[in-house]
Structure formats: C-alpha cells, structure tokens
Amino acid sequence: MIRFEGVTRRYGERAAVDHVTLEVAEGRLCVLLGESGSGKSTLLRMVNRLAEPSAGRVLLRGRDVAGIEPETLRRGIGYVIQSVGLFSHWQVAENIATVPRLLGWEAGRIAARVDALLALVGLDPARFRDRYPHELSGGQAQRVGLARALAADPPVLLMDEPFSALDPGTRRDLQRELRRIHGETGKTILFVTHDVEEALALADLLAVLEDGRLIAQGRPAQVMEQDGERSVRRLFGEESMAFHRLATLPAQALAQPEDAEDDLPVLPAGASLKQALLLMLELGADRVAVLPDGPHGGGTLYWADLVRAA
C-alpha cells in the first residue's frame, strides 16, 4: 500500500530523513516512533507531498506519488494533525463534509455520511452535527477531525501526533476508539508519535527512527526483542524494557487452559500481560481469570508465569 524506497529529505546539509526503506502493507496500522527531530513527521508528510524527497521515492498502491497532482493526491488521503484544524465558523457537519463537497457529492449522500461518521467516532449525530468547534472539548474536536479525515472513505489515513495535546484519560479513550475504528474499517494507517506507551498500544507494525534513520521495524514484540540495538533500548528505557515487553504479549498466551475459579479477578478479552500485571498489583492477586478471545481460549494466568515472561 505505502512503500518508501531509499527516501532522503535534506534541509541544507542536514538529512531530516536519511535513506529510509519501509513498506506498510494494506490494512496495517504502522506507528512511526521516535524522539523530536527523528524525522518521523517528515517521512509521513512525504506520502501526501507536504514534503518532497530529496532522493528516493514514495509509492502509494504501486504508483509514485511524485507523478500525482498534489490536490488530487490529498483528496484521496485522510490527514489528522495535533491541532485538529477545524474551521471555526463552520458547524461540525460542515467541517466533516469538506472533502465530499469538493468531490461534488449530492446533499443527501453527504448528510448520511456525516451522521454515519459521527456515530463511528462515538458522537451522537443529533447532539453534535450542529455544534461549532468552540463548543467541543479537546477530545470531541479530535474525534470530529478523525471523522473529517474519513469522510470521503480514503484507503489511507495519516495521523501526525493527533492525541499528544490531550489529557491522559482522553488520550487513552481515543486510542481505544482508533483501534476499534481500524478494526471496523480496515484502513491503512500511518501514525506518528514520540510516546512509547501509545506506540505499543496501537501498532501492529512499529518503525523506530533516530536522527532520520530507520533503526528498527517489525511487530512490537519483535522490536522489543532487539536488545542488542542500544538506541532502541535507550528510547524504551533500559529499566522499563521488561515492562514494555509485557504490553506486546497477549494474556491468553500464558493462560493455563483450566476452568478459572469464580471469585478470581477477570481480565477483559484481548488484554495484554501488562494489563494483567497491573490488575494483579492493584488487587494483590496471584492469579486472574482470562476470558476467551477469538481463536484463543480462556483460563487462569498465574503471577509466577507472568514474572518469568517479563
């Protein structure tokens, strides 16, 4: 779906992105993780030509984006940024309808799409379609920004630090919503963050950048196993590596296939070993019940097994 081939972006003598090759398959949620100045936002903006490569090329569905007129390209790509960028003098429905109007959709189709998207991002259409941006909380505004990015049903969604200005509770809520929306829509998402916890909570493909270079890529669990890469250990925190590693592993993986006792604390389906650890510490429990999740059976997860995994 998205392929970066030897991409470099220079500003004078400095390489903001330095010969990066990365492929994001269709339907993946790829997180670009790195500290400020690592090149992650520049790399993302090359997809919709807000930044142009100094060398190399970016392919979208096999086509070099350099050969696509920028306005046409951007209308087919959803884009969500930290500051949201809603038009203050337009109501929520008008903001969401921006691209469909440009594409010439008829009014009834636009209205139906606006209501469907508000419901998708967890906002009641009847309550929110006629509000103005100043009447929204930060989390609500970011949900509207996400709905606007999805309005024309683009196959690709670019998200540049979209939740970083929000309070922790709202941020976690929106992370859960994004995972749900990704599961329901199957969009290919490229997501930029400098927050390790957020990256591990969202990514099914993780790409780690440092000084413009791609230093690690793979599923989060694979990246966490790269203990030999000092830069990766430093980014995740030497003292926190075991804790972060638990966030990449499903609790079902270590659950003993047995009928759990009725009075045990219960983990939600799909929970990670990190969530299991936090629940055990909170309740002073030495084991928890794990609910079945799809092909994974349930059972009992024991403290001793969890500690060995860490």
C-alpha atoms as a PDB file:
ATOM      1  CA  MET A   1       0.000   0.000   0.000  1.00  0.00           C
ATOM      2  CA  ILE A   2       2.696   2.516   1.086  1.00  0.00           C
ATOM      3  CA  ARG A   3       6.352   1.966   0.223  1.00  0.00           C
ATOM      4  CA  PHE A   4       9.294   4.233   0.962  1.00  0.00           C
ATOM      5  CA  GLU A   5      12.261   3.364  -1.265  1.00  0.00           C
ATOM      6  CA  GLY A   6      15.590   4.820  -0.147  1.00  0.00           C
ATOM      7  CA  VAL A   7      13.875   8.067   0.819  1.00  0.00           C
ATOM      8  CA  THR A   8      16.026  11.014   1.909  1.00  0.00           C
ATOM      9  CA  ARG A   9      14.978  14.546   2.741  1.00  0.00           C
ATOM     10  CA  ARG A  10      17.667  17.176   3.193  1.00  0.00           C
ATOM     11  CA  TYR A  11      17.462  20.715   4.519  1.00  0.00           C
ATOM     12  CA  GLY A  12      20.788  22.180   3.507  1.00  0.00           C
ATOM     13  CA  GLU A  13      23.464  19.834   4.801  1.00  0.00           C
ATOM     14  CA  ARG A  14      21.171  18.157   7.341  1.00  0.00           C
ATOM     15  CA  ALA A  15      19.286  14.982   6.466  1.00  0.00           C
ATOM     16  CA  ALA A  16      15.918  15.064   8.260  1.00  0.00           C
ATOM     17  CA  VAL A  17      15.213  11.636   6.730  1.00  0.00           C
ATOM     18  CA  ASP A  18      18.195   9.514   5.770  1.00  0.00           C
ATOM     19  CA  HIS A  19      17.778   6.737   3.182  1.00  0.00           C
ATOM     20  CA  VAL A  20      14.674   5.096   4.672  1.00  0.00           C
ATOM     21  CA  THR A  21      13.157   1.992   3.112  1.00  0.00           C
ATOM     22  CA  LEU A  22       9.898   0.819   4.671  1.00  0.00           C
ATOM     23  CA  GLU A  23       6.807  -0.992   3.411  1.00  0.00           C
ATOM     24  CA  VAL A  24       3.372  -0.705   5.027  1.00  0.00           C
ATOM     25  CA  ALA A  25       1.018  -3.387   3.754  1.00  0.00           C
ATOM     26  CA  GLU A  26      -2.650  -2.691   3.121  1.00  0.00           C
ATOM     27  CA  GLY A  27      -4.741  -2.678   6.281  1.00  0.00           C
ATOM     28  CA  ARG A  28      -1.819  -2.272   8.702  1.00  0.00           C
ATOM     29  CA  LEU A  29      -1.620   0.289  11.484  1.00  0.00           C
ATOM     30  CA  CYS A  30       2.005   1.394  11.315  1.00  0.00           C
ATOM     31  CA  VAL A  31       3.351   3.632  14.061  1.00  0.00           C
ATOM     32  CA  LEU A  32       6.395   5.812  13.371  1.00  0.00           C
ATOM     33  CA  LEU A  33       8.075   6.183  16.759  1.00  0.00           C
ATOM     34  CA  GLY A  34      10.963   8.443  17.660  1.00  0.00           C
ATOM     35  CA  GLU A  35      12.079  11.442  19.645  1.00  0.00           C
ATOM     36  CA  SER A  36      11.635  15.018  18.416  1.00  0.00           C
ATOM     37  CA  GLY A  37      13.782  15.596  15.343  1.00  0.00           C
ATOM     38  CA  SER A  38      13.965  11.908  14.411  1.00  0.00           C
ATOM     39  CA  GLY A  39      12.303  12.515  11.026  1.00  0.00           C
ATOM     40  CA  LYS A  40       9.032  10.703  11.638  1.00  0.00           C
ATOM     41  CA  SER A  41       6.700  13.606  10.727  1.00  0.00           C
ATOM     42  CA  THR A  42       8.768  14.485   7.661  1.00  0.00           C
ATOM     43  CA  LEU A  43       8.552  10.879   6.499  1.00  0.00           C
ATOM     44  CA  LEU A  44       4.771  10.844   6.981  1.00  0.00           C
ATOM     45  CA  ARG A  45       4.295  14.130   5.091  1.00  0.00           C
ATOM     46  CA  MET A  46       6.080  12.717   2.050  1.00  0.00           C
ATOM     47  CA  VAL A  47       3.080  10.441   1.481  1.00  0.00           C
ATOM     48  CA  ASN A  48       0.744  13.360   0.705  1.00  0.00           C
ATOM     49  CA  ARG A  49       3.526  15.555  -0.742  1.00  0.00           C
ATOM     50  CA  LEU A  50       3.559  18.126   2.038  1.00  0.00           C
ATOM     51  CA  ALA A  51       7.280  17.314   1.962  1.00  0.00           C
ATOM     52  CA  GLU A  52       9.166  16.154  -1.132  1.00  0.00           C
ATOM     53  CA  PRO A  53      12.039  13.644  -1.124  1.00  0.00           C
ATOM     54  CA  SER A  54      15.500  14.904  -1.990  1.00  0.00           C
ATOM     55  CA  ALA A  55      16.243  11.347  -3.122  1.00  0.00           C
ATOM     56  CA  GLY A  56      14.332   8.094  -3.377  1.00  0.00           C
ATOM     57  CA  ARG A  57      10.620   7.773  -3.954  1.00  0.00           C
ATOM     58  CA  VAL A  58       7.315   7.106  -2.191  1.00  0.00           C
ATOM     59  CA  LEU A  59       4.858   4.664  -3.738  1.00  0.00           C
ATOM     60  CA  LEU A  60       1.144   4.544  -2.962  1.00  0.00           C
ATOM     61  CA  ARG A  61      -0.540   1.412  -4.285  1.00  0.00           C
ATOM     62  CA  GLY A  62       2.438   0.953  -6.575  1.00  0.00           C
ATOM     63  CA  ARG A  63       2.326   4.457  -8.008  1.00  0.00           C
ATOM     64  CA  ASP A  64       4.987   7.104  -7.405  1.00  0.00           C
ATOM     65  CA  VAL A  65       3.233   9.965  -5.602  1.00  0.00           C
ATOM     66  CA  ALA A  66       5.546  12.440  -7.347  1.00  0.00           C
ATOM     67  CA  GLY A  67       3.532  11.771 -10.502  1.00  0.00           C
ATOM     68  CA  ILE A  68       0.169  12.593  -8.888  1.00  0.00           C
ATOM     69  CA  GLU A  69      -1.093  16.170  -8.767  1.00  0.00           C
ATOM     70  CA  PRO A  70      -0.945  17.199  -5.066  1.00  0.00           C
ATOM     71  CA  GLU A  71      -4.588  18.283  -4.746  1.00  0.00           C
ATOM     72  CA  THR A  72      -5.839  15.040  -6.308  1.00  0.00           C
ATOM     73  CA  LEU A  73      -3.492  13.016  -4.110  1.00  0.00           C
ATOM     74  CA  ARG A  74      -4.565  14.719  -0.881  1.00  0.00           C
ATOM     75  CA  ARG A  75      -8.274  14.315  -1.555  1.00  0.00           C
ATOM     76  CA  GLY A  76      -7.711  10.562  -1.514  1.00  0.00           C
ATOM     77  CA  ILE A  77      -5.768  10.528   1.771  1.00  0.00           C
ATOM     78  CA  GLY A  78      -7.168  11.256   5.225  1.00  0.00           C
ATOM     79  CA  TYR A  79      -4.981  13.563   7.333  1.00  0.00           C
ATOM     80  CA  VAL A  80      -5.279  14.198  11.087  1.00  0.00           C
ATOM     81  CA  ILE A  81      -2.947  16.524  12.992  1.00  0.00           C
ATOM     82  CA  GLN A  82      -2.437  17.562  16.601  1.00  0.00           C
ATOM     83  CA  SER A  83      -4.150  20.926  16.289  1.00  0.00           C
ATOM     84  CA  VAL A  84      -7.186  19.375  14.521  1.00  0.00           C
ATOM     85  CA  GLY A  85      -7.599  22.431  12.259  1.00  0.00           C
ATOM     86  CA  LEU A  86     -11.395  22.618  12.260  1.00  0.00           C
ATOM     87  CA  PHE A  87     -12.906  25.662  10.565  1.00  0.00           C
ATOM     88  CA  SER A  88     -14.165  27.737  13.496  1.00  0.00           C
ATOM     89  CA  HIS A  89     -17.028  29.399  11.589  1.00  0.00           C
ATOM     90  CA  TRP A  90     -18.418  26.095  10.310  1.00  0.00           C
ATOM     91  CA  GLN A  91     -20.601  23.676  12.223  1.00  0.00           C
ATOM     92  CA  VAL A  92     -19.393  20.124  12.872  1.00  0.00           C
ATOM     93  CA  ALA A  93     -21.387  18.701   9.959  1.00  0.00           C
ATOM     94  CA  GLU A  94     -19.934  21.291   7.587  1.00  0.00           C
ATOM     95  CA  ASN A  95     -16.399  20.529   8.756  1.00  0.00           C
ATOM     96  CA  ILE A  96     -16.824  16.796   8.209  1.00  0.00           C
ATOM     97  CA  ALA A  97     -18.343  17.396   4.772  1.00  0.00           C
ATOM     98  CA  THR A  98     -15.381  19.443   3.470  1.00  0.00           C
ATOM     99  CA  VAL A  99     -13.906  16.863   1.073  1.00  0.00           C
ATOM    100  CA  PRO A 100     -17.199  15.270  -0.044  1.00  0.00           C
ATOM    101  CA  ARG A 101     -18.397  18.764  -1.067  1.00  0.00           C
ATOM    102  CA  LEU A 102     -15.201  19.307  -3.053  1.00  0.00           C
ATOM    103  CA  LEU A 103     -15.784  15.964  -4.752  1.00  0.00           C
ATOM    104  CA  GLY A 104     -19.290  17.015  -5.755  1.00  0.00           C
ATOM    105  CA  TRP A 105     -21.324  14.611  -3.633  1.00  0.00           C
ATOM    106  CA  GLU A 106     -25.041  15.331  -3.529  1.00  0.00           C
ATOM    107  CA  ALA A 107     -26.531  16.741  -0.337  1.00  0.00           C
ATOM    108  CA  GLY A 108     -28.406  13.648   0.833  1.00  0.00           C
ATOM    109  CA  ARG A 109     -25.341  11.452   0.476  1.00  0.00           C
ATOM    110  CA  ILE A 110     -23.239  13.958   2.413  1.00  0.00           C
ATOM    111  CA  ALA A 111     -25.760  14.213   5.258  1.00  0.00           C
ATOM    112  CA  ALA A 112     -25.966  10.435   5.589  1.00  0.00           C
ATOM    113  CA  ARG A 113     -22.166  10.140   5.570  1.00  0.00           C
ATOM    114  CA  VAL A 114     -21.772  12.828   8.246  1.00  0.00           C
ATOM    115  CA  ASP A 115     -24.210  11.088  10.583  1.00  0.00           C
ATOM    116  CA  ALA A 116     -22.608   7.686   9.982  1.00  0.00           C
ATOM    117  CA  LEU A 117     -19.140   9.052  10.757  1.00  0.00           C
ATOM    118  CA  LEU A 118     -20.232  10.870  13.898  1.00  0.00           C
ATOM    119  CA  ALA A 119     -21.663   7.581  15.152  1.00  0.00           C
ATOM    120  CA  LEU A 120     -18.460   5.769  14.164  1.00  0.00           C
ATOM    121  CA  VAL A 121     -16.277   8.114  16.248  1.00  0.00           C
ATOM    122  CA  GLY A 122     -18.629   7.931  19.228  1.00  0.00           C
ATOM    123  CA  LEU A 123     -20.519  11.229  18.916  1.00  0.00           C
ATOM    124  CA  ASP A 124     -24.320  11.355  18.800  1.00  0.00           C
ATOM    125  CA  PRO A 125     -25.222  12.979  15.435  1.00  0.00           C
ATOM    126  CA  ALA A 126     -28.329  14.646  16.826  1.00  0.00           C
ATOM    127  CA  ARG A 127     -26.278  16.338  19.579  1.00  0.00           C
ATOM    128  CA  PHE A 128     -23.137  17.232  17.685  1.00  0.00           C
ATOM    129  CA  ARG A 129     -23.802  17.847  13.971  1.00  0.00           C
ATOM    130  CA  ASP A 130     -24.908  21.476  14.536  1.00  0.00           C
ATOM    131  CA  ARG A 131     -22.299  22.473  17.127  1.00  0.00           C
ATOM    132  CA  TYR A 132     -19.408  24.804  16.435  1.00  0.00           C
ATOM    133  CA  PRO A 133     -15.791  23.870  17.229  1.00  0.00           C
ATOM    134  CA  HIS A 134     -15.636  26.213  20.245  1.00  0.00           C
ATOM    135  CA  GLU A 135     -18.479  24.211  21.812  1.00  0.00           C
ATOM    136  CA  LEU A 136     -16.423  20.989  21.778  1.00  0.00           C
ATOM    137  CA  SER A 137     -13.936  19.582  24.261  1.00  0.00           C
ATOM    138  CA  GLY A 138     -10.462  18.728  23.021  1.00  0.00           C
ATOM    139  CA  GLY A 139     -11.322  15.052  22.746  1.00  0.00           C
ATOM    140  CA  GLN A 140     -14.572  15.770  20.919  1.00  0.00           C
ATOM    141  CA  ALA A 141     -12.795  18.081  18.475  1.00  0.00           C
ATOM    142  CA  GLN A 142     -10.201  15.385  17.747  1.00  0.00           C
ATOM    143  CA  ARG A 143     -12.998  12.889  17.082  1.00  0.00           C
ATOM    144  CA  VAL A 144     -14.541  15.341  14.613  1.00  0.00           C
ATOM    145  CA  GLY A 145     -11.121  15.749  12.976  1.00  0.00           C
ATOM    146  CA  LEU A 146     -10.906  11.977  12.583  1.00  0.00           C
ATOM    147  CA  ALA A 147     -14.420  11.852  11.112  1.00  0.00           C
ATOM    148  CA  ARG A 148     -13.464  14.594   8.628  1.00  0.00           C
ATOM    149  CA  ALA A 149     -10.381  12.624   7.577  1.00  0.00           C
ATOM    150  CA  LEU A 150     -12.562   9.560   6.922  1.00  0.00           C
ATOM    151  CA  ALA A 151     -15.342  11.465   5.144  1.00  0.00           C
ATOM    152  CA  ALA A 152     -14.527  10.518   1.536  1.00  0.00           C
ATOM    153  CA  ASP A 153     -13.641   6.943   2.569  1.00  0.00           C
ATOM    154  CA  PRO A 154      -9.916   7.208   1.748  1.00  0.00           C
ATOM    155  CA  PRO A 155      -7.893   3.976   1.779  1.00  0.00           C
ATOM    156  CA  VAL A 156      -5.038   5.653   3.695  1.00  0.00           C
ATOM    157  CA  LEU A 157      -5.097   7.697   6.900  1.00  0.00           C
ATOM    158  CA  LEU A 158      -2.117   9.791   8.039  1.00  0.00           C
ATOM    159  CA  MET A 159      -2.084  10.831  11.709  1.00  0.00           C
ATOM    160  CA  ASP A 160       0.631  13.171  12.978  1.00  0.00           C
ATOM    161  CA  GLU A 161       0.785  13.269  16.811  1.00  0.00           C
ATOM    162  CA  PRO A 162      -3.031  13.583  16.886  1.00  0.00           C
ATOM    163  CA  PHE A 163      -3.537  12.889  20.613  1.00  0.00           C
ATOM    164  CA  SER A 164      -0.433  14.466  22.134  1.00  0.00           C
ATOM    165  CA  ALA A 165      -2.145  17.646  23.398  1.00  0.00           C
ATOM    166  CA  LEU A 166      -4.913  15.771  25.231  1.00  0.00           C
ATOM    167  CA  ASP A 167      -5.111  14.748  28.870  1.00  0.00           C
ATOM    168  CA  PRO A 168      -4.107  11.114  29.610  1.00  0.00           C
ATOM    169  CA  GLY A 169      -7.642   9.817  30.145  1.00  0.00           C
ATOM    170  CA  THR A 170      -8.976  11.298  26.917  1.00  0.00           C
ATOM    171  CA  ARG A 171      -5.890  10.099  25.097  1.00  0.00           C
ATOM    172  CA  ARG A 172      -6.423   6.507  26.226  1.00  0.00           C
ATOM    173  CA  ASP A 173     -10.093   6.693  25.221  1.00  0.00           C
ATOM    174  CA  LEU A 174      -9.172   7.874  21.736  1.00  0.00           C
ATOM    175  CA  GLN A 175      -6.516   5.189  21.384  1.00  0.00           C
ATOM    176  CA  ARG A 176      -9.172   2.571  22.111  1.00  0.00           C
ATOM    177  CA  GLU A 177     -11.528   4.250  19.628  1.00  0.00           C
ATOM    178  CA  LEU A 178      -8.840   4.299  16.938  1.00  0.00           C
ATOM    179  CA  ARG A 179      -8.132   0.586  17.426  1.00  0.00           C
ATOM    180  CA  ARG A 180     -11.857  -0.113  17.121  1.00  0.00           C
ATOM    181  CA  ILE A 181     -12.241   2.058  14.015  1.00  0.00           C
ATOM    182  CA  HIS A 182      -9.192   0.454  12.427  1.00  0.00           C
ATOM    183  CA  GLY A 183     -10.680  -2.972  13.062  1.00  0.00           C
ATOM    184  CA  GLU A 184     -14.044  -1.968  11.590  1.00  0.00           C
ATOM    185  CA  THR A 185     -12.764  -0.103   8.511  1.00  0.00           C
ATOM    186  CA  GLY A 186      -9.528  -1.895   7.607  1.00  0.00           C
ATOM    187  CA  LYS A 187      -7.873   1.405   6.674  1.00  0.00           C
ATOM    188  CA  THR A 188      -4.122   1.573   6.197  1.00  0.00           C
ATOM    189  CA  ILE A 189      -2.951   3.974   8.916  1.00  0.00           C
ATOM    190  CA  LEU A 190       0.403   5.687   9.347  1.00  0.00           C
ATOM    191  CA  PHE A 191       0.562   7.163  12.851  1.00  0.00           C
ATOM    192  CA  VAL A 192       3.322   9.389  14.268  1.00  0.00           C
ATOM    193  CA  THR A 193       4.103   9.569  17.983  1.00  0.00           C
ATOM    194  CA  HIS A 194       7.003  10.095  20.365  1.00  0.00           C
ATOM    195  CA  ASP A 195       5.159   8.277  23.160  1.00  0.00           C
ATOM    196  CA  VAL A 196       6.323   4.686  23.714  1.00  0.00           C
ATOM    197  CA  GLU A 197       3.163   3.624  25.561  1.00  0.00           C
ATOM    198  CA  GLU A 198       0.964   4.960  22.766  1.00  0.00           C
ATOM    199  CA  ALA A 199       3.052   3.239  20.109  1.00  0.00           C
ATOM    200  CA  LEU A 200       2.798  -0.129  21.831  1.00  0.00           C
ATOM    201  CA  ALA A 201      -0.940   0.322  22.437  1.00  0.00           C
ATOM    202  CA  LEU A 202      -1.675   0.982  18.749  1.00  0.00           C
ATOM    203  CA  ALA A 203       0.871  -0.555  16.412  1.00  0.00           C
ATOM    204  CA  ASP A 204       0.654  -3.815  14.546  1.00  0.00           C
ATOM    205  CA  LEU A 205       3.757  -2.580  12.686  1.00  0.00           C
ATOM    206  CA  LEU A 206       6.300  -0.438  14.533  1.00  0.00           C
ATOM    207  CA  ALA A 207       9.007   1.621  12.805  1.00  0.00           C
ATOM    208  CA  VAL A 208      11.574   3.311  15.068  1.00  0.00           C
ATOM    209  CA  LEU A 209      13.513   6.318  13.792  1.00  0.00           C
ATOM    210  CA  GLU A 210      16.568   8.088  15.163  1.00  0.00           C
ATOM    211  CA  ASP A 211      18.333  11.056  13.518  1.00  0.00           C
ATOM    212  CA  GLY A 212      16.424  10.415  10.300  1.00  0.00           C
ATOM    213  CA  ARG A 213      17.417   6.747  10.089  1.00  0.00           C
ATOM    214  CA  LEU A 214      15.164   3.720  10.437  1.00  0.00           C
ATOM    215  CA  ILE A 215      16.817   1.719  13.222  1.00  0.00           C
ATOM    216  CA  ALA A 216      14.167  -0.971  13.867  1.00  0.00           C
ATOM    217  CA  GLN A 217      10.954  -2.239  12.327  1.00  0.00           C
ATOM    218  CA  GLY A 218       8.552  -5.121  12.805  1.00  0.00           C
ATOM    219  CA  ARG A 219       5.730  -6.128  15.082  1.00  0.00           C
ATOM    220  CA  PRO A 220       6.091  -4.503  18.525  1.00  0.00           C
ATOM    221  CA  ALA A 221       7.146  -7.772  20.138  1.00  0.00           C
ATOM    222  CA  GLN A 222       9.875  -8.207  17.505  1.00  0.00           C
ATOM    223  CA  VAL A 223      11.201  -4.691  18.050  1.00  0.00           C
ATOM    224  CA  MET A 224      11.246  -5.202  21.805  1.00  0.00           C
ATOM    225  CA  GLU A 225      13.367  -8.307  21.316  1.00  0.00           C
ATOM    226  CA  GLN A 226      16.126  -6.254  19.673  1.00  0.00           C
ATOM    227  CA  ASP A 227      18.008  -5.772  22.929  1.00  0.00           C
ATOM    228  CA  GLY A 228      21.279  -5.556  21.007  1.00  0.00           C
ATOM    229  CA  GLU A 229      20.285  -2.230  19.461  1.00  0.00           C
ATOM    230  CA  ARG A 230      21.376   0.331  22.048  1.00  0.00           C
ATOM    231  CA  SER A 231      19.291   3.112  20.503  1.00  0.00           C
ATOM    232  CA  VAL A 232      16.133   1.024  20.846  1.00  0.00           C
ATOM    233  CA  ARG A 233      16.912   0.259  24.493  1.00  0.00           C
ATOM    234  CA  ARG A 234      17.537   3.932  25.211  1.00  0.00           C
ATOM    235  CA  LEU A 235      14.261   5.022  23.584  1.00  0.00           C
ATOM    236  CA  PHE A 236      12.200   2.487  25.530  1.00  0.00           C
ATOM    237  CA  GLY A 237      14.202   2.955  28.720  1.00  0.00           C
ATOM    238  CA  GLU A 238      16.667   0.350  29.944  1.00  0.00           C
ATOM    239  CA  GLU A 239      14.819  -0.058  33.237  1.00  0.00           C
ATOM    240  CA  SER A 240      11.415  -0.335  31.519  1.00  0.00           C
ATOM    241  CA  MET A 241      12.155  -2.844  28.752  1.00  0.00           C
ATOM    242  CA  ALA A 242      10.620  -5.811  30.586  1.00  0.00           C
ATOM    243  CA  PHE A 243       7.511  -3.778  31.466  1.00  0.00           C
ATOM    244  CA  HIS A 244       7.074  -2.596  27.862  1.00  0.00           C
ATOM    245  CA  ARG A 245       7.655  -6.113  26.555  1.00  0.00           C
ATOM    246  CA  LEU A 246       4.655  -7.321  28.554  1.00  0.00           C
ATOM    247  CA  ALA A 247       2.490  -4.774  26.708  1.00  0.00           C
ATOM    248  CA  THR A 248       3.228  -6.545  23.418  1.00  0.00           C
ATOM    249  CA  LEU A 249       2.152 -10.021  24.581  1.00  0.00           C
ATOM    250  CA  PRO A 250      -1.453 -11.242  24.936  1.00  0.00           C
ATOM    251  CA  ALA A 251      -2.508 -12.591  28.311  1.00  0.00           C
ATOM    252  CA  GLN A 252      -4.028 -15.623  26.560  1.00  0.00           C
ATOM    253  CA  ALA A 253      -0.515 -16.698  25.541  1.00  0.00           C
ATOM    254  CA  LEU A 254       0.336 -17.675  29.141  1.00  0.00           C
ATOM    255  CA  ALA A 255      -3.082 -18.597  30.482  1.00  0.00           C
ATOM    256  CA  GLN A 256      -3.341 -22.161  31.790  1.00  0.00           C
ATOM    257  CA  PRO A 257      -6.250 -23.893  29.983  1.00  0.00           C
ATOM    258  CA  GLU A 258      -8.333 -24.625  33.029  1.00  0.00           C
ATOM    259  CA  ASP A 259     -11.652 -23.515  34.435  1.00  0.00           C
ATOM    260  CA  ALA A 260     -10.971 -20.331  36.392  1.00  0.00           C
ATOM    261  CA  GLU A 261     -12.286 -20.017  39.926  1.00  0.00           C
ATOM    262  CA  ASP A 262     -15.480 -17.982  40.173  1.00  0.00           C
ATOM    263  CA  ASP A 263     -14.047 -15.390  42.572  1.00  0.00           C
ATOM    264  CA  LEU A 264     -10.917 -14.514  40.562  1.00  0.00           C
ATOM    265  CA  PRO A 265     -10.430 -11.026  39.099  1.00  0.00           C
ATOM    266  CA  VAL A 266     -11.329 -11.099  35.399  1.00  0.00           C
ATOM    267  CA  LEU A 267      -9.234  -9.684  32.566  1.00  0.00           C
ATOM    268  CA  PRO A 268     -11.124  -8.373  29.523  1.00  0.00           C
ATOM    269  CA  ALA A 269     -10.788 -10.261  26.251  1.00  0.00           C
ATOM    270  CA  GLY A 270      -7.710  -9.207  24.322  1.00  0.00           C
ATOM    271  CA  ALA A 271      -5.866  -7.865  27.384  1.00  0.00           C
ATOM    272  CA  SER A 272      -2.068  -7.805  27.435  1.00  0.00           C
ATOM    273  CA  LEU A 273       0.282  -9.241  30.046  1.00  0.00           C
ATOM    274  CA  LYS A 274       0.969  -5.681  31.141  1.00  0.00           C
ATOM    275  CA  GLN A 275      -2.725  -5.190  31.934  1.00  0.00           C
ATOM    276  CA  ALA A 276      -2.686  -8.476  33.815  1.00  0.00           C
ATOM    277  CA  LEU A 277       0.303  -7.327  35.879  1.00  0.00           C
ATOM    278  CA  LEU A 278      -1.333  -4.021  36.760  1.00  0.00           C
ATOM    279  CA  LEU A 279      -4.569  -5.770  37.768  1.00  0.00           C
ATOM    280  CA  MET A 280      -2.694  -8.242  39.991  1.00  0.00           C
ATOM    281  CA  LEU A 281      -0.715  -5.437  41.651  1.00  0.00           C
ATOM    282  CA  GLU A 282      -3.849  -3.353  42.212  1.00  0.00           C
ATOM    283  CA  LEU A 283      -5.786  -6.197  43.836  1.00  0.00           C
ATOM    284  CA  GLY A 284      -2.908  -8.083  45.440  1.00  0.00           C
ATOM    285  CA  ALA A 285      -3.885 -11.187  43.477  1.00  0.00           C
ATOM    286  CA  ASP A 286      -1.564 -14.032  42.463  1.00  0.00           C
ATOM    287  CA  ARG A 287      -3.728 -15.129  39.530  1.00  0.00           C
ATOM    288  CA  VAL A 288      -6.515 -13.798  37.305  1.00  0.00           C
ATOM    289  CA  ALA A 289      -9.164 -15.276  35.048  1.00  0.00           C
ATOM    290  CA  VAL A 290      -8.596 -14.703  31.309  1.00  0.00           C
ATOM    291  CA  LEU A 291     -11.627 -14.576  29.026  1.00  0.00           C
ATOM    292  CA  PRO A 292     -11.583 -16.338  25.627  1.00  0.00           C
ATOM    293  CA  ASP A 293     -10.735 -14.102  22.660  1.00  0.00           C
ATOM    294  CA  GLY A 294     -11.415 -15.354  19.138  1.00  0.00           C
ATOM    295  CA  PRO A 295      -9.204 -18.386  18.473  1.00  0.00           C
ATOM    296  CA  HIS A 296      -7.604 -18.097  21.926  1.00  0.00           C
ATOM    297  CA  GLY A 297      -9.161 -19.986  24.786  1.00  0.00           C
ATOM    298  CA  GLY A 298      -9.505 -18.607  28.275  1.00  0.00           C
ATOM    299  CA  GLY A 299      -8.139 -19.945  31.526  1.00  0.00           C
ATOM    300  CA  THR A 300      -6.089 -18.828  34.519  1.00  0.00           C
ATOM    301  CA  LEU A 301      -2.977 -16.640  34.407  1.00  0.00           C
ATOM    302  CA  TYR A 302      -0.593 -17.104  37.318  1.00  0.00           C
ATOM    303  CA  TRP A 303       1.800 -14.499  38.778  1.00  0.00           C
ATOM    304  CA  ALA A 304       4.786 -16.852  38.514  1.00  0.00           C
ATOM    305  CA  ASP A 305       4.241 -17.392  34.777  1.00  0.00           C
ATOM    306  CA  LEU A 306       3.883 -13.659  34.211  1.00  0.00           C
ATOM    307  CA  VAL A 307       7.127 -12.869  36.064  1.00  0.00           C
ATOM    308  CA  ARG A 308       9.020 -15.455  34.015  1.00  0.00           C
ATOM    309  CA  ALA A 309       7.717 -13.836  30.813  1.00  0.00           C
ATOM    310  CA  ALA A 310       8.987 -10.435  31.963  1.00  0.00           C
END
